[in-house]
Amino acid sequence: YRIALSLWPDYASAHNNLGTLLTDPREAEHHFQVTISVNPLHARAY
């Protein structure tokens, strides 16, 4: 997921799916918020 994001920083679904696997809640929150900023209609990120 991190490699995908290094190649495409605005890949919303990659941000969301990465967030679900991270143990650091602050980092997970960051990736979910990026998902929403890229795609405001991403229901699963909300």
ModelCIF file with pLDDT and N, C-alpha, C, O atoms, coordinates in Angstrom:
data_MODEL
#
_entry.id   MODEL 
#
_entity.id                         1 
_entity.type                       polymer 
_entity.pdbx_number_of_molecules   1 
#
_entity_poly.entity_id                      1 
_entity_poly.type                           'polypeptide(L)' 
_entity_poly.nstd_linkage                   no 
_entity_poly.nstd_monomer                   no 
_entity_poly.pdbx_seq_one_letter_code       YRIALSLWPDYASAHNNLGTLLTDPREAEHHFQVTISVNPLHARAY 
_entity_poly.pdbx_seq_one_letter_code_can   YRIALSLWPDYASAHNNLGTLLTDPREAEHHFQVTISVNPLHARAY 
_entity_poly.pdbx_strand_id                 A 
#
loop_
_entity_poly_seq.entity_id 
_entity_poly_seq.num 
_entity_poly_seq.mon_id 
_entity_poly_seq.hetero 
1 1  TYR n 
1 2  ARG n 
1 3  ILE n 
1 4  ALA n 
1 5  LEU n 
1 6  SER n 
1 7  LEU n 
1 8  TRP n 
1 9  PRO n 
1 10 ASP n 
1 11 TYR n 
1 12 ALA n 
1 13 SER n 
1 14 ALA n 
1 15 HIS n 
1 16 ASN n 
1 17 ASN n 
1 18 LEU n 
1 19 GLY n 
1 20 THR n 
1 21 LEU n 
1 22 LEU n 
1 23 THR n 
1 24 ASP n 
1 25 PRO n 
1 26 ARG n 
1 27 GLU n 
1 28 ALA n 
1 29 GLU n 
1 30 HIS n 
1 31 HIS n 
1 32 PHE n 
1 33 GLN n 
1 34 VAL n 
1 35 THR n 
1 36 ILE n 
1 37 SER n 
1 38 VAL n 
1 39 ASN n 
1 40 PRO n 
1 41 LEU n 
1 42 HIS n 
1 43 ALA n 
1 44 ARG n 
1 45 ALA n 
1 46 TYR n 
#
_struct_asym.id          A 
_struct_asym.entity_id   1 
#
loop_
_ma_qa_metric.id 
_ma_qa_metric.mode 
_ma_qa_metric.name 
_ma_qa_metric.software_group_id 
_ma_qa_metric.type 
1 global pLDDT . pLDDT 
2 local  pLDDT . pLDDT 
#
_ma_qa_metric_global.metric_id      1 
_ma_qa_metric_global.metric_value   94.09 
_ma_qa_metric_global.model_id       1 
_ma_qa_metric_global.ordinal_id     1 
#
loop_
_ma_qa_metric_local.label_asym_id 
_ma_qa_metric_local.label_comp_id 
_ma_qa_metric_local.label_seq_id 
_ma_qa_metric_local.metric_id 
_ma_qa_metric_local.metric_value 
_ma_qa_metric_local.model_id 
_ma_qa_metric_local.ordinal_id 
A TYR 1  2 93.00 1 1  
A ARG 2  2 95.00 1 2  
A ILE 3  2 93.00 1 3  
A ALA 4  2 90.00 1 4  
A LEU 5  2 94.00 1 5  
A SER 6  2 93.00 1 6  
A LEU 7  2 92.00 1 7  
A TRP 8  2 92.00 1 8  
A PRO 9  2 94.00 1 9  
A ASP 10 2 93.00 1 10 
A TYR 11 2 94.00 1 11 
A ALA 12 2 94.00 1 12 
A SER 13 2 93.00 1 13 
A ALA 14 2 94.00 1 14 
A HIS 15 2 95.00 1 15 
A ASN 16 2 95.00 1 16 
A ASN 17 2 94.00 1 17 
A LEU 18 2 94.00 1 18 
A GLY 19 2 94.00 1 19 
A THR 20 2 93.00 1 20 
A LEU 21 2 93.00 1 21 
A LEU 22 2 90.00 1 22 
A THR 23 2 87.00 1 23 
A ASP 24 2 91.00 1 24 
A PRO 25 2 91.00 1 25 
A ARG 26 2 93.00 1 26 
A GLU 27 2 94.00 1 27 
A ALA 28 2 94.00 1 28 
A GLU 29 2 95.00 1 29 
A HIS 30 2 96.00 1 30 
A HIS 31 2 95.00 1 31 
A PHE 32 2 96.00 1 32 
A GLN 33 2 96.00 1 33 
A VAL 34 2 96.00 1 34 
A THR 35 2 96.00 1 35 
A ILE 36 2 96.00 1 36 
A SER 37 2 96.00 1 37 
A VAL 38 2 95.00 1 38 
A ASN 39 2 96.00 1 39 
A PRO 40 2 96.00 1 40 
A LEU 41 2 96.00 1 41 
A HIS 42 2 96.00 1 42 
A ALA 43 2 96.00 1 43 
A ARG 44 2 96.00 1 44 
A ALA 45 2 96.00 1 45 
A TYR 46 2 97.00 1 46 
#
loop_
_atom_site.group_PDB 
_atom_site.id 
_atom_site.type_symbol 
_atom_site.label_atom_id 
_atom_site.label_alt_id 
_atom_site.label_comp_id 
_atom_site.label_asym_id 
_atom_site.label_entity_id 
_atom_site.label_seq_id 
_atom_site.pdbx_PDB_ins_code 
_atom_site.Cartn_x 
_atom_site.Cartn_y 
_atom_site.Cartn_z 
_atom_site.occupancy 
_atom_site.B_iso_or_equiv 
_atom_site.pdbx_formal_charge 
_atom_site.auth_seq_id 
_atom_site.auth_comp_id 
_atom_site.auth_asym_id 
_atom_site.auth_atom_id 
_atom_site.pdbx_PDB_model_num 
ATOM 1   N N  . TYR A 1 1  ? 0.844   -1.196 0.000  1.00 93.00 ? 1  TYR A N  1 
ATOM 2   C CA . TYR A 1 1  ? 0.000   0.000  0.000  1.00 93.00 ? 1  TYR A CA 1 
ATOM 3   C C  . TYR A 1 1  ? 0.884   1.252  0.000  1.00 93.00 ? 1  TYR A C  1 
ATOM 4   O O  . TYR A 1 1  ? 0.598   2.226  -0.698 1.00 93.00 ? 1  TYR A O  1 
ATOM 5   N N  . ARG A 1 2  ? 1.943   1.213  0.780  1.00 95.00 ? 2  ARG A N  1 
ATOM 6   C CA . ARG A 1 2  ? 2.845   2.371  0.840  1.00 95.00 ? 2  ARG A CA 1 
ATOM 7   C C  . ARG A 1 2  ? 3.532   2.598  -0.519 1.00 95.00 ? 2  ARG A C  1 
ATOM 8   O O  . ARG A 1 2  ? 3.696   3.739  -0.951 1.00 95.00 ? 2  ARG A O  1 
ATOM 9   N N  . ILE A 1 3  ? 3.927   1.518  -1.181 1.00 93.00 ? 3  ILE A N  1 
ATOM 10  C CA . ILE A 1 3  ? 4.538   1.662  -2.500 1.00 93.00 ? 3  ILE A CA 1 
ATOM 11  C C  . ILE A 1 3  ? 3.520   2.270  -3.478 1.00 93.00 ? 3  ILE A C  1 
ATOM 12  O O  . ILE A 1 3  ? 3.853   3.160  -4.261 1.00 93.00 ? 3  ILE A O  1 
ATOM 13  N N  . ALA A 1 4  ? 2.276   1.776  -3.420 1.00 90.00 ? 4  ALA A N  1 
ATOM 14  C CA . ALA A 1 4  ? 1.228   2.315  -4.291 1.00 90.00 ? 4  ALA A CA 1 
ATOM 15  C C  . ALA A 1 4  ? 1.062   3.817  -4.072 1.00 90.00 ? 4  ALA A C  1 
ATOM 16  O O  . ALA A 1 4  ? 0.905   4.578  -5.028 1.00 90.00 ? 4  ALA A O  1 
ATOM 17  N N  . LEU A 1 5  ? 1.098   4.239  -2.802 1.00 94.00 ? 5  LEU A N  1 
ATOM 18  C CA . LEU A 1 5  ? 0.918   5.657  -2.487 1.00 94.00 ? 5  LEU A CA 1 
ATOM 19  C C  . LEU A 1 5  ? 2.136   6.492  -2.881 1.00 94.00 ? 5  LEU A C  1 
ATOM 20  O O  . LEU A 1 5  ? 2.001   7.671  -3.211 1.00 94.00 ? 5  LEU A O  1 
ATOM 21  N N  . SER A 1 6  ? 3.318   5.887  -2.847 1.00 93.00 ? 6  SER A N  1 
ATOM 22  C CA . SER A 1 6  ? 4.508   6.618  -3.298 1.00 93.00 ? 6  SER A CA 1 
ATOM 23  C C  . SER A 1 6  ? 4.436   6.881  -4.803 1.00 93.00 ? 6  SER A C  1 
ATOM 24  O O  . SER A 1 6  ? 4.986   7.863  -5.302 1.00 93.00 ? 6  SER A O  1 
ATOM 25  N N  . LEU A 1 7  ? 3.746   5.982  -5.520 1.00 92.00 ? 7  LEU A N  1 
ATOM 26  C CA . LEU A 1 7  ? 3.591   6.132  -6.970 1.00 92.00 ? 7  LEU A CA 1 
ATOM 27  C C  . LEU A 1 7  ? 2.375   6.998  -7.326 1.00 92.00 ? 7  LEU A C  1 
ATOM 28  O O  . LEU A 1 7  ? 2.356   7.666  -8.360 1.00 92.00 ? 7  LEU A O  1 
ATOM 29  N N  . TRP A 1 8  ? 1.364   6.971  -6.449 1.00 92.00 ? 8  TRP A N  1 
ATOM 30  C CA . TRP A 1 8  ? 0.131   7.741  -6.694 1.00 92.00 ? 8  TRP A CA 1 
ATOM 31  C C  . TRP A 1 8  ? -0.358  8.285  -5.336 1.00 92.00 ? 8  TRP A C  1 
ATOM 32  O O  . TRP A 1 8  ? -1.184  7.647  -4.683 1.00 92.00 ? 8  TRP A O  1 
ATOM 33  N N  . PRO A 1 9  ? 0.142   9.453  -4.909 1.00 94.00 ? 9  PRO A N  1 
ATOM 34  C CA . PRO A 1 9  ? -0.144  9.992  -3.562 1.00 94.00 ? 9  PRO A CA 1 
ATOM 35  C C  . PRO A 1 9  ? -1.623  10.238 -3.284 1.00 94.00 ? 9  PRO A C  1 
ATOM 36  O O  . PRO A 1 9  ? -2.026  10.251 -2.121 1.00 94.00 ? 9  PRO A O  1 
ATOM 37  N N  . ASP A 1 10 ? -2.442  10.433 -4.314 1.00 93.00 ? 10 ASP A N  1 
ATOM 38  C CA . ASP A 1 10 ? -3.869  10.703 -4.117 1.00 93.00 ? 10 ASP A CA 1 
ATOM 39  C C  . ASP A 1 10 ? -4.748  9.468  -4.361 1.00 93.00 ? 10 ASP A C  1 
ATOM 40  O O  . ASP A 1 10 ? -5.917  9.597  -4.723 1.00 93.00 ? 10 ASP A O  1 
ATOM 41  N N  . TYR A 1 11 ? -4.193  8.300  -4.165 1.00 94.00 ? 11 TYR A N  1 
ATOM 42  C CA . TYR A 1 11 ? -4.936  7.056  -4.369 1.00 94.00 ? 11 TYR A CA 1 
ATOM 43  C C  . TYR A 1 11 ? -5.813  6.827  -3.127 1.00 94.00 ? 11 TYR A C  1 
ATOM 44  O O  . TYR A 1 11 ? -5.367  6.275  -2.122 1.00 94.00 ? 11 TYR A O  1 
ATOM 45  N N  . ALA A 1 12 ? -7.056  7.265  -3.232 1.00 94.00 ? 12 ALA A N  1 
ATOM 46  C CA . ALA A 1 12 ? -7.945  7.299  -2.062 1.00 94.00 ? 12 ALA A CA 1 
ATOM 47  C C  . ALA A 1 12 ? -8.127  5.925  -1.419 1.00 94.00 ? 12 ALA A C  1 
ATOM 48  O O  . ALA A 1 12 ? -7.979  5.791  -0.204 1.00 94.00 ? 12 ALA A O  1 
ATOM 49  N N  . SER A 1 13 ? -8.439  4.918  -2.204 1.00 93.00 ? 13 SER A N  1 
ATOM 50  C CA . SER A 1 13 ? -8.705  3.588  -1.641 1.00 93.00 ? 13 SER A CA 1 
ATOM 51  C C  . SER A 1 13 ? -7.469  2.982  -0.990 1.00 93.00 ? 13 SER A C  1 
ATOM 52  O O  . SER A 1 13 ? -7.577  2.232  -0.020 1.00 93.00 ? 13 SER A O  1 
ATOM 53  N N  . ALA A 1 14 ? -6.296  3.306  -1.523 1.00 94.00 ? 14 ALA A N  1 
ATOM 54  C CA . ALA A 1 14 ? -5.063  2.811  -0.914 1.00 94.00 ? 14 ALA A CA 1 
ATOM 55  C C  . ALA A 1 14 ? -4.856  3.452  0.458  1.00 94.00 ? 14 ALA A C  1 
ATOM 56  O O  . ALA A 1 14 ? -4.449  2.782  1.407  1.00 94.00 ? 14 ALA A O  1 
ATOM 57  N N  . HIS A 1 15 ? -5.139  4.760  0.559  1.00 95.00 ? 15 HIS A N  1 
ATOM 58  C CA . HIS A 1 15 ? -5.062  5.435  1.863  1.00 95.00 ? 15 HIS A CA 1 
ATOM 59  C C  . HIS A 1 15 ? -6.023  4.777  2.855  1.00 95.00 ? 15 HIS A C  1 
ATOM 60  O O  . HIS A 1 15 ? -5.650  4.485  3.991  1.00 95.00 ? 15 HIS A O  1 
ATOM 61  N N  . ASN A 1 16 ? -7.262  4.548  2.415  1.00 95.00 ? 16 ASN A N  1 
ATOM 62  C CA . ASN A 1 16 ? -8.274  3.960  3.304  1.00 95.00 ? 16 ASN A CA 1 
ATOM 63  C C  . ASN A 1 16 ? -7.873  2.568  3.766  1.00 95.00 ? 16 ASN A C  1 
ATOM 64  O O  . ASN A 1 16 ? -7.926  2.272  4.960  1.00 95.00 ? 16 ASN A O  1 
ATOM 65  N N  . ASN A 1 17 ? -7.473  1.714  2.836  1.00 94.00 ? 17 ASN A N  1 
ATOM 66  C CA . ASN A 1 17 ? -7.134  0.336  3.198  1.00 94.00 ? 17 ASN A CA 1 
ATOM 67  C C  . ASN A 1 17 ? -5.887  0.273  4.069  1.00 94.00 ? 17 ASN A C  1 
ATOM 68  O O  . ASN A 1 17 ? -5.803  -0.552 4.979  1.00 94.00 ? 17 ASN A O  1 
ATOM 69  N N  . LEU A 1 18 ? -4.921  1.140  3.794  1.00 94.00 ? 18 LEU A N  1 
ATOM 70  C CA . LEU A 1 18 ? -3.728  1.201  4.647  1.00 94.00 ? 18 LEU A CA 1 
ATOM 71  C C  . LEU A 1 18 ? -4.120  1.584  6.070  1.00 94.00 ? 18 LEU A C  1 
ATOM 72  O O  . LEU A 1 18 ? -3.621  1.005  7.035  1.00 94.00 ? 18 LEU A O  1 
ATOM 73  N N  . GLY A 1 19 ? -5.017  2.563  6.196  1.00 94.00 ? 19 GLY A N  1 
ATOM 74  C CA . GLY A 1 19 ? -5.456  3.005  7.526  1.00 94.00 ? 19 GLY A CA 1 
ATOM 75  C C  . GLY A 1 19 ? -6.044  1.889  8.360  1.00 94.00 ? 19 GLY A C  1 
ATOM 76  O O  . GLY A 1 19 ? -5.872  1.873  9.579  1.00 94.00 ? 19 GLY A O  1 
ATOM 77  N N  . THR A 1 20 ? -6.737  0.951  7.726  1.00 93.00 ? 20 THR A N  1 
ATOM 78  C CA . THR A 1 20 ? -7.367  -0.146 8.480  1.00 93.00 ? 20 THR A CA 1 
ATOM 79  C C  . THR A 1 20 ? -6.347  -1.116 9.058  1.00 93.00 ? 20 THR A C  1 
ATOM 80  O O  . THR A 1 20 ? -6.672  -1.875 9.971  1.00 93.00 ? 20 THR A O  1 
ATOM 81  N N  . LEU A 1 21 ? -5.111  -1.107 8.543  1.00 93.00 ? 21 LEU A N  1 
ATOM 82  C CA . LEU A 1 21 ? -4.096  -2.065 8.999  1.00 93.00 ? 21 LEU A CA 1 
ATOM 83  C C  . LEU A 1 21 ? -3.113  -1.477 10.003 1.00 93.00 ? 21 LEU A C  1 
ATOM 84  O O  . LEU A 1 21 ? -2.371  -2.217 10.649 1.00 93.00 ? 21 LEU A O  1 
ATOM 85  N N  . LEU A 1 22 ? -3.102  -0.155 10.139 1.00 90.00 ? 22 LEU A N  1 
ATOM 86  C CA . LEU A 1 22 ? -2.092  0.489  10.981 1.00 90.00 ? 22 LEU A CA 1 
ATOM 87  C C  . LEU A 1 22 ? -2.461  0.401  12.457 1.00 90.00 ? 22 LEU A C  1 
ATOM 88  O O  . LEU A 1 22 ? -3.631  0.517  12.821 1.00 90.00 ? 22 LEU A O  1 
ATOM 89  N N  . THR A 1 23 ? -1.459  0.196  13.297 1.00 87.00 ? 23 THR A N  1 
ATOM 90  C CA . THR A 1 23 ? -1.697  0.120  14.746 1.00 87.00 ? 23 THR A CA 1 
ATOM 91  C C  . THR A 1 23 ? -1.631  1.486  15.414 1.00 87.00 ? 23 THR A C  1 
ATOM 92  O O  . THR A 1 23 ? -2.153  1.662  16.515 1.00 87.00 ? 23 THR A O  1 
ATOM 93  N N  . ASP A 1 24 ? -1.002  2.444  14.767 1.00 91.00 ? 24 ASP A N  1 
ATOM 94  C CA . ASP A 1 24 ? -0.921  3.805  15.308 1.00 91.00 ? 24 ASP A CA 1 
ATOM 95  C C  . ASP A 1 24 ? -2.201  4.552  14.934 1.00 91.00 ? 24 ASP A C  1 
ATOM 96  O O  . ASP A 1 24 ? -2.409  4.847  13.757 1.00 91.00 ? 24 ASP A O  1 
ATOM 97  N N  . PRO A 1 25 ? -3.071  4.868  15.912 1.00 91.00 ? 25 PRO A N  1 
ATOM 98  C CA . PRO A 1 25 ? -4.361  5.493  15.578 1.00 91.00 ? 25 PRO A CA 1 
ATOM 99  C C  . PRO A 1 25 ? -4.215  6.850  14.906 1.00 91.00 ? 25 PRO A C  1 
ATOM 100 O O  . PRO A 1 25 ? -5.045  7.224  14.077 1.00 91.00 ? 25 PRO A O  1 
ATOM 101 N N  . ARG A 1 26 ? -3.161  7.596  15.256 1.00 93.00 ? 26 ARG A N  1 
ATOM 102 C CA . ARG A 1 26 ? -2.989  8.911  14.636 1.00 93.00 ? 26 ARG A CA 1 
ATOM 103 C C  . ARG A 1 26 ? -2.651  8.788  13.153 1.00 93.00 ? 26 ARG A C  1 
ATOM 104 O O  . ARG A 1 26 ? -3.147  9.555  12.329 1.00 93.00 ? 26 ARG A O  1 
ATOM 105 N N  . GLU A 1 27 ? -1.794  7.807  12.819 1.00 94.00 ? 27 GLU A N  1 
ATOM 106 C CA . GLU A 1 27 ? -1.451  7.599  11.417 1.00 94.00 ? 27 GLU A CA 1 
ATOM 107 C C  . GLU A 1 27 ? -2.657  7.070  10.643 1.00 94.00 ? 27 GLU A C  1 
ATOM 108 O O  . GLU A 1 27 ? -2.904  7.475  9.507  1.00 94.00 ? 27 GLU A O  1 
ATOM 109 N N  . ALA A 1 28 ? -3.399  6.166  11.267 1.00 94.00 ? 28 ALA A N  1 
ATOM 110 C CA . ALA A 1 28 ? -4.611  5.639  10.622 1.00 94.00 ? 28 ALA A CA 1 
ATOM 111 C C  . ALA A 1 28 ? -5.595  6.775  10.348 1.00 94.00 ? 28 ALA A C  1 
ATOM 112 O O  . ALA A 1 28 ? -6.155  6.869  9.256  1.00 94.00 ? 28 ALA A O  1 
ATOM 113 N N  . GLU A 1 29 ? -5.802  7.636  11.343 1.00 95.00 ? 29 GLU A N  1 
ATOM 114 C CA . GLU A 1 29 ? -6.709  8.777  11.186 1.00 95.00 ? 29 GLU A CA 1 
ATOM 115 C C  . GLU A 1 29 ? -6.271  9.659  10.016 1.00 95.00 ? 29 GLU A C  1 
ATOM 116 O O  . GLU A 1 29 ? -7.096  10.103 9.218  1.00 95.00 ? 29 GLU A O  1 
ATOM 117 N N  . HIS A 1 30 ? -4.971  9.905  9.927  1.00 96.00 ? 30 HIS A N  1 
ATOM 118 C CA . HIS A 1 30 ? -4.438  10.727 8.832  1.00 96.00 ? 30 HIS A CA 1 
ATOM 119 C C  . HIS A 1 30 ? -4.820  10.140 7.469  1.00 96.00 ? 30 HIS A C  1 
ATOM 120 O O  . HIS A 1 30 ? -5.261  10.869 6.580  1.00 96.00 ? 30 HIS A O  1 
ATOM 121 N N  . HIS A 1 31 ? -4.653  8.837  7.308  1.00 95.00 ? 31 HIS A N  1 
ATOM 122 C CA . HIS A 1 31 ? -4.938  8.216  6.014  1.00 95.00 ? 31 HIS A CA 1 
ATOM 123 C C  . HIS A 1 31 ? -6.434  8.223  5.700  1.00 95.00 ? 31 HIS A C  1 
ATOM 124 O O  . HIS A 1 31 ? -6.814  8.396  4.542  1.00 95.00 ? 31 HIS A O  1 
ATOM 125 N N  . PHE A 1 32 ? -7.284  8.040  6.704  1.00 96.00 ? 32 PHE A N  1 
ATOM 126 C CA . PHE A 1 32 ? -8.728  8.121  6.464  1.00 96.00 ? 32 PHE A CA 1 
ATOM 127 C C  . PHE A 1 32 ? -9.123  9.549  6.060  1.00 96.00 ? 32 PHE A C  1 
ATOM 128 O O  . PHE A 1 32 ? -9.953  9.749  5.174  1.00 96.00 ? 32 PHE A O  1 
ATOM 129 N N  . GLN A 1 33 ? -8.518  10.523 6.721  1.00 96.00 ? 33 GLN A N  1 
ATOM 130 C CA . GLN A 1 33 ? -8.839  11.919 6.401  1.00 96.00 ? 33 GLN A CA 1 
ATOM 131 C C  . GLN A 1 33 ? -8.366  12.296 4.998  1.00 96.00 ? 33 GLN A C  1 
ATOM 132 O O  . GLN A 1 33 ? -9.046  13.034 4.286  1.00 96.00 ? 33 GLN A O  1 
ATOM 133 N N  . VAL A 1 34 ? -7.193  11.782 4.606  1.00 96.00 ? 34 VAL A N  1 
ATOM 134 C CA . VAL A 1 34 ? -6.711  12.024 3.242  1.00 96.00 ? 34 VAL A CA 1 
ATOM 135 C C  . VAL A 1 34 ? -7.680  11.408 2.238  1.00 96.00 ? 34 VAL A C  1 
ATOM 136 O O  . VAL A 1 34 ? -7.984  12.009 1.207  1.00 96.00 ? 34 VAL A O  1 
ATOM 137 N N  . THR A 1 35 ? -8.159  10.214 2.544  1.00 96.00 ? 35 THR A N  1 
ATOM 138 C CA . THR A 1 35 ? -9.132  9.553  1.661  1.00 96.00 ? 35 THR A CA 1 
ATOM 139 C C  . THR A 1 35 ? -10.329 10.460 1.417  1.00 96.00 ? 35 THR A C  1 
ATOM 140 O O  . THR A 1 35 ? -10.765 10.639 0.280  1.00 96.00 ? 35 THR A O  1 
ATOM 141 N N  . ILE A 1 36 ? -10.857 11.032 2.499  1.00 96.00 ? 36 ILE A N  1 
ATOM 142 C CA . ILE A 1 36 ? -12.050 11.884 2.398  1.00 96.00 ? 36 ILE A CA 1 
ATOM 143 C C  . ILE A 1 36 ? -11.731 13.182 1.657  1.00 96.00 ? 36 ILE A C  1 
ATOM 144 O O  . ILE A 1 36 ? -12.557 13.685 0.897  1.00 96.00 ? 36 ILE A O  1 
ATOM 145 N N  . SER A 1 37 ? -10.533 13.721 1.880  1.00 96.00 ? 37 SER A N  1 
ATOM 146 C CA . SER A 1 37 ? -10.170 14.957 1.176  1.00 96.00 ? 37 SER A CA 1 
ATOM 147 C C  . SER A 1 37 ? -10.055 14.719 -0.333 1.00 96.00 ? 37 SER A C  1 
ATOM 148 O O  . SER A 1 37 ? -10.395 15.593 -1.131 1.00 96.00 ? 37 SER A O  1 
ATOM 149 N N  . VAL A 1 38 ? -9.575  13.536 -0.718 1.00 95.00 ? 38 VAL A N  1 
ATOM 150 C CA . VAL A 1 38 ? -9.457  13.187 -2.142 1.00 95.00 ? 38 VAL A CA 1 
ATOM 151 C C  . VAL A 1 38 ? -10.824 12.813 -2.714 1.00 95.00 ? 38 VAL A C  1 
ATOM 152 O O  . VAL A 1 38 ? -11.173 13.194 -3.831 1.00 95.00 ? 38 VAL A O  1 
ATOM 153 N N  . ASN A 1 39 ? -11.598 12.050 -1.915 1.00 96.00 ? 39 ASN A N  1 
ATOM 154 C CA . ASN A 1 39 ? -12.911 11.580 -2.366 1.00 96.00 ? 39 ASN A CA 1 
ATOM 155 C C  . ASN A 1 39 ? -13.933 11.809 -1.252 1.00 96.00 ? 39 ASN A C  1 
ATOM 156 O O  . ASN A 1 39 ? -14.115 10.942 -0.398 1.00 96.00 ? 39 ASN A O  1 
ATOM 157 N N  . PRO A 1 40 ? -14.601 12.966 -1.250 1.00 96.00 ? 40 PRO A N  1 
ATOM 158 C CA . PRO A 1 40 ? -15.556 13.301 -0.174 1.00 96.00 ? 40 PRO A CA 1 
ATOM 159 C C  . PRO A 1 40 ? -16.746 12.361 -0.077 1.00 96.00 ? 40 PRO A C  1 
ATOM 160 O O  . PRO A 1 40 ? -17.512 12.446 0.883  1.00 96.00 ? 40 PRO A O  1 
ATOM 161 N N  . LEU A 1 41 ? -16.922 11.475 -1.035 1.00 96.00 ? 41 LEU A N  1 
ATOM 162 C CA . LEU A 1 41 ? -18.049 10.533 -1.013 1.00 96.00 ? 41 LEU A CA 1 
ATOM 163 C C  . LEU A 1 41 ? -17.587 9.104  -0.742 1.00 96.00 ? 41 LEU A C  1 
ATOM 164 O O  . LEU A 1 41 ? -18.272 8.147  -1.102 1.00 96.00 ? 41 LEU A O  1 
ATOM 165 N N  . HIS A 1 42 ? -16.416 8.961  -0.105 1.00 96.00 ? 42 HIS A N  1 
ATOM 166 C CA . HIS A 1 42 ? -15.884 7.620  0.211  1.00 96.00 ? 42 HIS A CA 1 
ATOM 167 C C  . HIS A 1 42 ? -16.518 7.152  1.529  1.00 96.00 ? 42 HIS A C  1 
ATOM 168 O O  . HIS A 1 42 ? -16.001 7.431  2.611  1.00 96.00 ? 42 HIS A O  1 
ATOM 169 N N  . ALA A 1 43 ? -17.648 6.436  1.419  1.00 96.00 ? 43 ALA A N  1 
ATOM 170 C CA . ALA A 1 43 ? -18.435 6.054  2.599  1.00 96.00 ? 43 ALA A CA 1 
ATOM 171 C C  . ALA A 1 43 ? -17.634 5.239  3.596  1.00 96.00 ? 43 ALA A C  1 
ATOM 172 O O  . ALA A 1 43 ? -17.759 5.437  4.805  1.00 96.00 ? 43 ALA A O  1 
ATOM 173 N N  . ARG A 1 44 ? -16.809 4.319  3.096  1.00 96.00 ? 44 ARG A N  1 
ATOM 174 C CA . ARG A 1 44 ? -16.078 3.441  4.010  1.00 96.00 ? 44 ARG A CA 1 
ATOM 175 C C  . ARG A 1 44 ? -15.031 4.201  4.819  1.00 96.00 ? 44 ARG A C  1 
ATOM 176 O O  . ARG A 1 44 ? -14.735 3.814  5.949  1.00 96.00 ? 44 ARG A O  1 
ATOM 177 N N  . ALA A 1 45 ? -14.469 5.264  4.271  1.00 96.00 ? 45 ALA A N  1 
ATOM 178 C CA . ALA A 1 45 ? -13.505 6.065  5.037  1.00 96.00 ? 45 ALA A CA 1 
ATOM 179 C C  . ALA A 1 45 ? -14.208 6.761  6.202  1.00 96.00 ? 45 ALA A C  1 
ATOM 180 O O  . ALA A 1 45 ? -13.666 6.834  7.305  1.00 96.00 ? 45 ALA A O  1 
ATOM 181 N N  . TYR A 1 46 ? -15.435 7.279  5.949  1.00 97.00 ? 46 TYR A N  1 
ATOM 182 C CA . TYR A 1 46 ? -16.210 7.869  7.054  1.00 97.00 ? 46 TYR A CA 1 
ATOM 183 C C  . TYR A 1 46 ? -16.519 6.800  8.108  1.00 97.00 ? 46 TYR A C  1 
ATOM 184 O O  . TYR A 1 46 ? -17.161 7.094  9.116  1.00 97.00 ? 46 TYR A O  1 
#
